[in-house]
Amino acid sequence: MRHEYQPPRRRSRLTRRGRLALFLGMLLVIGAAALFPLLRGGGAPEKPRRLTIPEGWRTPQVYAAIDRELKLPAGSTKAAVPTAGLALPAEAKGNPEGFLFPATYPVTSNSTPATLLAHMVDTANRKLATKAVADGAKAHGMTPYQTATLASIIEAEAESHSDRGKVARVVHNRLARSMPLQMDSTINYALNRSTVDTKLSETRIDSPFNTYERQGLPPTPIDSPGLESMAAAVAPTPGDWLFFVTVKPGDTRFSATYEEHKKHVAEFNRIRAGTGTGAATGPGSRSGSGTSDAAAGHARAGSRAG
């Protein structure tokens, strides 16, 4: 059978314009492949913002700061607490007061009230629930939660680093003698305020945080204590003090007797009278000293809690 002769086919060759079009098409494909991971979040990591919680803040202040940072309606963080699954001590009964540890926390677009609160509580557990704290609490006949409560009072009452251990000693000495603590900071907490003056009538309010009327520690912490206050709570400065009053900034007087304390309070009240403000309050105040308020004060006249 005869086969017809067929000349060899010539390969088609791209023109210069065709090659350029093919090259550009390949670039588009490669570019799309590189862009796809970025669209899925595989790019440079997000730079977190910073949220700082100072020592001595109460839970409402922390809640409000989180709401502001996350641009949420007021009350959003507080509402998230019951379902946040926070790793709190059983004694806290779901109340995170005292366990929103003061520190600086990262905030990203993935942050929520629950994640931030959990981070703060976990930090408190790492920093405060240590063997040293547990051993110190046991030595003083306290639980770690009670120690955190004591530390929160120290945080509110102590004016300086050197005062923390002395304030702690006053509290321990009063507890050992079954004396009411008579701390203005706990009255401030009960009344949701911060002030340097406590009136006699306010020391009679019906509240579990009224340490004038009730003996022992308040039922919960009154703020977020830092490490220094926690250390002071378990290792107070040796001494026999039962009273203290800050006569003026940087000058806190600690006394073992009420007579000595009254002299310091009188000086405090003279200074306050010169500025037109009220009298001091605190341990021993209800025995009276002739001032218009709850005069014979203790606790540094300006609590930082609040």
Protein backbone atom coordinates (compact mmCIF):
# COMPACT_ATOMS: atom_id res chain seq x y z
CA MET A 1 0.00 0.00 0.00
CA ARG A 2 1.38 3.24 -0.99
CA HIS A 3 1.79 5.97 1.53
CA GLU A 4 1.62 9.49 0.49
CA TYR A 5 4.56 11.57 1.27
CA GLN A 6 3.89 14.07 4.04
CA PRO A 7 6.45 16.73 4.80
CA PRO A 8 7.51 17.03 8.47
CA ARG A 9 5.42 19.38 10.54
CA ARG A 10 7.05 22.54 11.66
CA ARG A 11 6.97 23.27 15.36
CA SER A 12 5.00 26.36 16.24
CA ARG A 13 7.22 28.91 17.84
CA LEU A 14 6.03 31.67 20.19
CA THR A 15 6.53 35.13 19.01
CA ARG A 16 8.28 37.62 21.17
CA ARG A 17 4.91 39.03 22.16
CA GLY A 18 3.64 35.55 23.03
CA ARG A 19 6.60 34.81 25.21
CA LEU A 20 6.07 38.06 27.07
CA ALA A 21 2.40 37.24 27.65
CA LEU A 22 3.28 33.78 28.94
CA PHE A 23 5.89 35.24 31.31
CA LEU A 24 3.44 37.76 32.68
CA GLY A 25 0.85 35.04 33.19
CA MET A 26 3.30 32.98 35.19
CA LEU A 27 4.10 35.99 37.36
CA LEU A 28 0.41 36.47 38.10
CA VAL A 29 0.06 32.81 39.14
CA ILE A 30 3.14 32.98 41.37
CA GLY A 31 1.97 36.26 42.91
CA ALA A 32 -1.45 34.84 43.69
CA ALA A 33 0.14 31.80 45.33
CA ALA A 34 2.31 34.04 47.50
CA LEU A 35 -0.61 36.28 48.41
CA PHE A 36 -2.94 33.44 49.44
CA PRO A 37 -1.14 32.64 52.76
CA LEU A 38 -1.17 36.32 53.63
CA LEU A 39 -4.91 36.48 53.13
CA ARG A 40 -5.23 33.53 55.48
CA GLY A 41 -3.28 35.32 58.22
CA GLY A 42 0.12 33.87 57.55
CA GLY A 43 1.87 37.22 57.36
CA ALA A 44 3.90 39.13 59.92
CA PRO A 45 2.67 38.59 63.50
CA GLU A 46 0.45 41.26 65.00
CA LYS A 47 2.22 43.63 67.35
CA PRO A 48 0.31 43.50 70.65
CA ARG A 49 -0.83 46.55 72.52
CA ARG A 50 -0.12 46.86 76.25
CA LEU A 51 -2.59 47.02 79.13
CA THR A 52 -1.10 47.96 82.50
CA ILE A 53 -2.91 47.13 85.75
CA PRO A 54 -1.38 49.09 88.66
CA GLU A 55 -0.99 47.72 92.17
CA GLY A 56 -3.92 48.48 94.42
CA TRP A 57 -6.61 48.61 91.75
CA ARG A 58 -10.01 47.13 92.57
CA THR A 59 -11.94 44.86 90.21
CA PRO A 60 -14.25 47.64 88.89
CA GLN A 61 -11.19 49.60 87.80
CA VAL A 62 -9.73 46.56 86.04
CA TYR A 63 -13.04 45.79 84.34
CA ALA A 64 -13.35 49.37 83.10
CA ALA A 65 -9.77 49.35 81.78
CA ILE A 66 -10.41 46.16 79.79
CA ASP A 67 -13.65 47.56 78.40
CA ARG A 68 -11.82 50.69 77.23
CA GLU A 69 -8.88 48.80 75.75
CA LEU A 70 -11.14 46.42 73.81
CA LYS A 71 -13.57 49.23 72.92
CA LEU A 72 -16.49 47.38 74.48
CA PRO A 73 -19.60 48.79 76.13
CA ALA A 74 -19.19 49.53 79.82
CA GLY A 75 -19.98 46.46 81.90
CA SER A 76 -18.93 43.92 79.26
CA THR A 77 -15.95 42.59 81.20
CA LYS A 78 -17.86 42.35 84.47
CA ALA A 79 -20.57 40.39 82.69
CA ALA A 80 -17.96 37.95 81.34
CA VAL A 81 -16.66 36.94 84.78
CA PRO A 82 -19.18 34.15 85.60
CA THR A 83 -18.47 32.27 82.37
CA ALA A 84 -14.74 33.03 82.04
CA GLY A 85 -13.67 29.83 83.85
CA LEU A 86 -11.19 31.65 86.06
CA ALA A 87 -8.85 29.47 88.15
CA LEU A 88 -9.74 31.10 91.46
CA PRO A 89 -9.39 29.58 94.94
CA ALA A 90 -12.56 27.95 96.23
CA GLU A 91 -12.66 30.55 99.02
CA ALA A 92 -13.09 33.29 96.42
CA LYS A 93 -16.53 31.92 95.44
CA GLY A 94 -16.06 33.20 91.91
CA ASN A 95 -15.01 36.71 92.95
CA PRO A 96 -11.66 37.63 91.31
CA GLU A 97 -10.95 40.54 93.68
CA GLY A 98 -7.32 40.33 94.72
CA PHE A 99 -6.40 37.91 91.92
CA LEU A 100 -6.30 40.25 88.92
CA PHE A 101 -2.56 40.52 89.29
CA PRO A 102 -1.03 43.97 88.73
CA ALA A 103 1.22 43.75 85.69
CA THR A 104 1.40 44.71 82.01
CA TYR A 105 -0.50 42.39 79.65
CA PRO A 106 -0.43 42.01 75.85
CA VAL A 107 -3.64 42.79 73.98
CA THR A 108 -4.29 41.68 70.39
CA SER A 109 -7.24 41.54 68.03
CA ASN A 110 -7.97 38.07 69.46
CA SER A 111 -8.14 39.29 73.06
CA THR A 112 -11.45 39.07 74.89
CA PRO A 113 -12.47 39.97 78.44
CA ALA A 114 -12.34 36.28 79.33
CA THR A 115 -8.82 35.75 77.96
CA LEU A 116 -7.43 38.85 79.66
CA LEU A 117 -9.05 38.02 83.00
CA ALA A 118 -7.78 34.44 82.79
CA HIS A 119 -4.26 35.70 82.06
CA MET A 120 -4.39 37.96 85.13
CA VAL A 121 -5.66 35.20 87.43
CA ASP A 122 -3.13 32.71 86.09
CA THR A 123 -0.38 35.27 86.71
CA ALA A 124 -1.62 35.75 90.28
CA ASN A 125 -1.56 32.01 90.83
CA ARG A 126 2.01 31.77 89.55
CA LYS A 127 3.25 34.78 91.49
CA LEU A 128 1.30 34.41 94.73
CA ALA A 129 0.44 30.74 95.12
CA THR A 130 4.03 29.75 95.79
CA LYS A 131 5.52 27.48 98.43
CA ALA A 132 6.92 30.51 100.25
CA VAL A 133 3.46 32.06 100.47
CA ALA A 134 1.86 28.76 101.49
CA ASP A 135 4.50 28.17 104.18
CA GLY A 136 4.25 31.76 105.41
CA ALA A 137 0.48 31.60 105.53
CA LYS A 138 0.59 28.33 107.47
CA ALA A 139 3.06 29.81 109.94
CA HIS A 140 0.56 32.56 110.70
CA GLY A 141 -2.43 30.23 110.80
CA MET A 142 -3.85 31.54 107.52
CA THR A 143 -4.79 30.17 104.15
CA PRO A 144 -3.14 31.63 101.03
CA TYR A 145 -6.45 33.36 100.26
CA GLN A 146 -6.51 35.01 103.68
CA THR A 147 -2.91 36.03 103.13
CA ALA A 148 -3.91 37.67 99.83
CA THR A 149 -6.65 39.50 101.74
CA LEU A 150 -4.11 40.74 104.29
CA ALA A 151 -1.76 41.76 101.47
CA SER A 152 -4.53 43.81 99.88
CA ILE A 153 -4.94 45.78 103.12
CA ILE A 154 -1.19 46.36 103.24
CA GLU A 155 -1.32 47.55 99.63
CA ALA A 156 -4.02 50.06 100.52
CA GLU A 157 -2.55 51.26 103.80
CA ALA A 158 1.25 51.39 103.42
CA GLU A 159 2.65 54.64 102.15
CA SER A 160 6.13 53.38 101.36
CA HIS A 161 8.12 50.20 100.82
CA SER A 162 9.55 50.33 104.32
CA ASP A 163 6.06 50.72 105.84
CA ARG A 164 4.65 47.52 104.35
CA GLY A 165 6.26 45.17 106.82
CA LYS A 166 5.25 47.37 109.75
CA VAL A 167 1.63 47.63 108.60
CA ALA A 168 1.62 43.85 108.24
CA ARG A 169 2.91 43.55 111.80
CA VAL A 170 0.14 45.81 113.13
CA VAL A 171 -2.46 43.59 111.47
CA HIS A 172 -0.88 40.37 112.75
CA ASN A 173 -0.57 41.81 116.27
CA ARG A 174 -4.21 42.87 116.29
CA LEU A 175 -5.39 39.53 114.99
CA ALA A 176 -3.34 37.73 117.65
CA ARG A 177 -5.02 39.82 120.35
CA SER A 178 -8.52 39.43 118.88
CA MET A 179 -8.65 43.18 118.34
CA PRO A 180 -10.69 44.62 115.46
CA LEU A 181 -8.43 45.82 112.69
CA GLN A 182 -10.20 49.18 112.36
CA MET A 183 -8.79 49.92 108.93
CA ASP A 184 -10.16 52.89 106.99
CA SER A 185 -9.27 51.16 103.74
CA THR A 186 -11.88 48.46 104.36
CA ILE A 187 -14.51 51.13 105.07
CA ASN A 188 -13.56 52.79 101.79
CA TYR A 189 -14.02 49.48 100.02
CA ALA A 190 -17.43 48.96 101.59
CA LEU A 191 -18.49 52.44 100.48
CA ASN A 192 -16.86 52.10 97.02
CA ARG A 193 -14.71 55.16 97.42
CA SER A 194 -11.22 56.36 98.34
CA THR A 195 -10.75 59.11 100.89
CA VAL A 196 -8.39 60.21 103.63
CA ASP A 197 -11.24 60.88 106.05
CA THR A 198 -13.61 58.45 107.74
CA LYS A 199 -16.38 59.81 109.94
CA LEU A 200 -17.47 58.17 113.16
CA SER A 201 -20.89 57.40 111.67
CA GLU A 202 -19.20 55.53 108.80
CA THR A 203 -17.45 53.20 111.21
CA ARG A 204 -20.89 51.90 112.20
CA ILE A 205 -22.10 50.86 108.76
CA ASP A 206 -23.53 47.37 108.37
CA SER A 207 -20.99 45.67 106.12
CA PRO A 208 -18.78 42.57 106.30
CA PHE A 209 -15.94 44.94 105.34
CA ASN A 210 -16.47 47.13 108.41
CA THR A 211 -13.38 46.15 110.39
CA TYR A 212 -14.38 48.54 113.15
CA GLU A 213 -17.46 46.49 114.03
CA ARG A 214 -16.26 43.03 112.96
CA GLN A 215 -13.19 41.20 114.12
CA GLY A 216 -10.78 39.44 111.82
CA LEU A 217 -9.98 39.94 108.17
CA PRO A 218 -12.65 41.08 105.71
CA PRO A 219 -14.23 38.27 103.66
CA THR A 220 -12.30 39.04 100.46
CA PRO A 221 -9.31 41.08 99.35
CA ILE A 222 -10.03 44.78 98.84
CA ASP A 223 -7.71 45.35 95.87
CA SER A 224 -5.01 43.71 93.78
CA PRO A 225 -1.86 43.41 95.91
CA GLY A 226 1.60 43.28 94.43
CA LEU A 227 4.53 41.07 95.33
CA GLU A 228 5.95 43.42 97.97
CA SER A 229 2.69 43.48 99.92
CA MET A 230 2.38 39.71 99.64
CA ALA A 231 5.92 39.28 100.93
CA ALA A 232 5.19 41.62 103.84
CA ALA A 233 2.05 39.66 104.71
CA VAL A 234 3.99 36.42 105.22
CA ALA A 235 7.15 38.00 106.66
CA PRO A 236 6.14 41.10 108.67
CA THR A 237 8.71 43.33 110.29
CA PRO A 238 9.32 42.33 113.93
CA GLY A 239 7.70 44.73 116.38
CA ASP A 240 4.99 45.23 118.98
CA TRP A 241 3.04 47.96 117.18
CA LEU A 242 -0.75 48.10 117.37
CA PHE A 243 -1.38 51.54 115.83
CA PHE A 244 -0.12 53.73 113.03
CA VAL A 245 -0.95 57.06 111.46
CA THR A 246 0.68 59.05 108.68
CA VAL A 247 1.20 62.44 110.26
CA LYS A 248 2.29 63.93 106.93
CA PRO A 249 3.52 62.52 103.63
CA GLY A 250 6.57 60.37 104.25
CA ASP A 251 6.08 60.38 108.03
CA THR A 252 4.11 57.36 109.27
CA ARG A 253 4.22 56.83 113.04
CA PHE A 254 3.85 53.34 114.51
CA SER A 255 2.93 52.93 118.18
CA ALA A 256 2.73 50.07 120.65
CA THR A 257 0.49 51.94 123.10
CA TYR A 258 -2.67 53.93 122.65
CA GLU A 259 -1.26 56.84 124.67
CA GLU A 260 1.67 57.18 122.29
CA HIS A 261 -0.65 56.83 119.34
CA LYS A 262 -2.93 59.61 120.60
CA LYS A 263 0.03 62.02 120.61
CA HIS A 264 0.76 61.20 116.98
CA VAL A 265 -2.90 61.56 116.06
CA ALA A 266 -3.09 64.93 117.78
CA GLU A 267 -0.19 66.13 115.66
CA PHE A 268 -1.85 64.76 112.56
CA ASN A 269 -5.11 66.54 113.41
CA ARG A 270 -3.29 69.82 114.06
CA ILE A 271 -1.73 69.60 110.62
CA ARG A 272 -5.07 68.68 109.05
CA ALA A 273 -6.85 71.48 110.87
CA GLY A 274 -4.45 73.91 109.28
CA THR A 275 -5.58 72.71 105.86
CA GLY A 276 -9.29 72.70 106.73
CA THR A 277 -9.71 68.95 106.35
CA GLY A 278 -11.01 66.26 108.70
CA ALA A 279 -9.51 64.19 111.48
CA ALA A 280 -7.81 60.82 111.40
CA THR A 281 -9.48 57.50 112.10
CA GLY A 282 -8.33 53.99 112.84
CA PRO A 283 -7.40 51.57 115.62
CA GLY A 284 -8.57 52.95 118.96
CA SER A 285 -10.62 55.67 117.33
CA ARG A 286 -13.88 54.95 119.13
CA SER A 287 -12.49 55.75 122.55
CA GLY A 288 -12.78 59.40 121.63
CA SER A 289 -10.30 62.26 121.58
CA GLY A 290 -12.47 65.31 121.36
CA THR A 291 -12.44 65.83 117.59
CA SER A 292 -15.42 66.17 115.37
CA ASP A 293 -14.80 62.96 113.48
CA ALA A 294 -13.66 59.49 114.50
CA ALA A 295 -10.60 60.98 115.92
CA ALA A 296 -7.86 58.77 117.24
CA GLY A 297 -6.66 57.42 113.95
CA HIS A 298 -4.46 54.67 112.73
CA ALA A 299 -4.03 53.87 109.32
CA ARG A 300 -2.35 56.23 107.21
CA ALA A 301 -4.80 58.93 106.59
CA GLY A 302 -4.68 58.49 102.83
CA SER A 303 -5.40 55.00 101.66
CA ARG A 304 -4.30 54.25 98.10
CA ALA A 305 -7.09 51.74 97.54
CA GLY A 306 -9.48 53.08 95.01
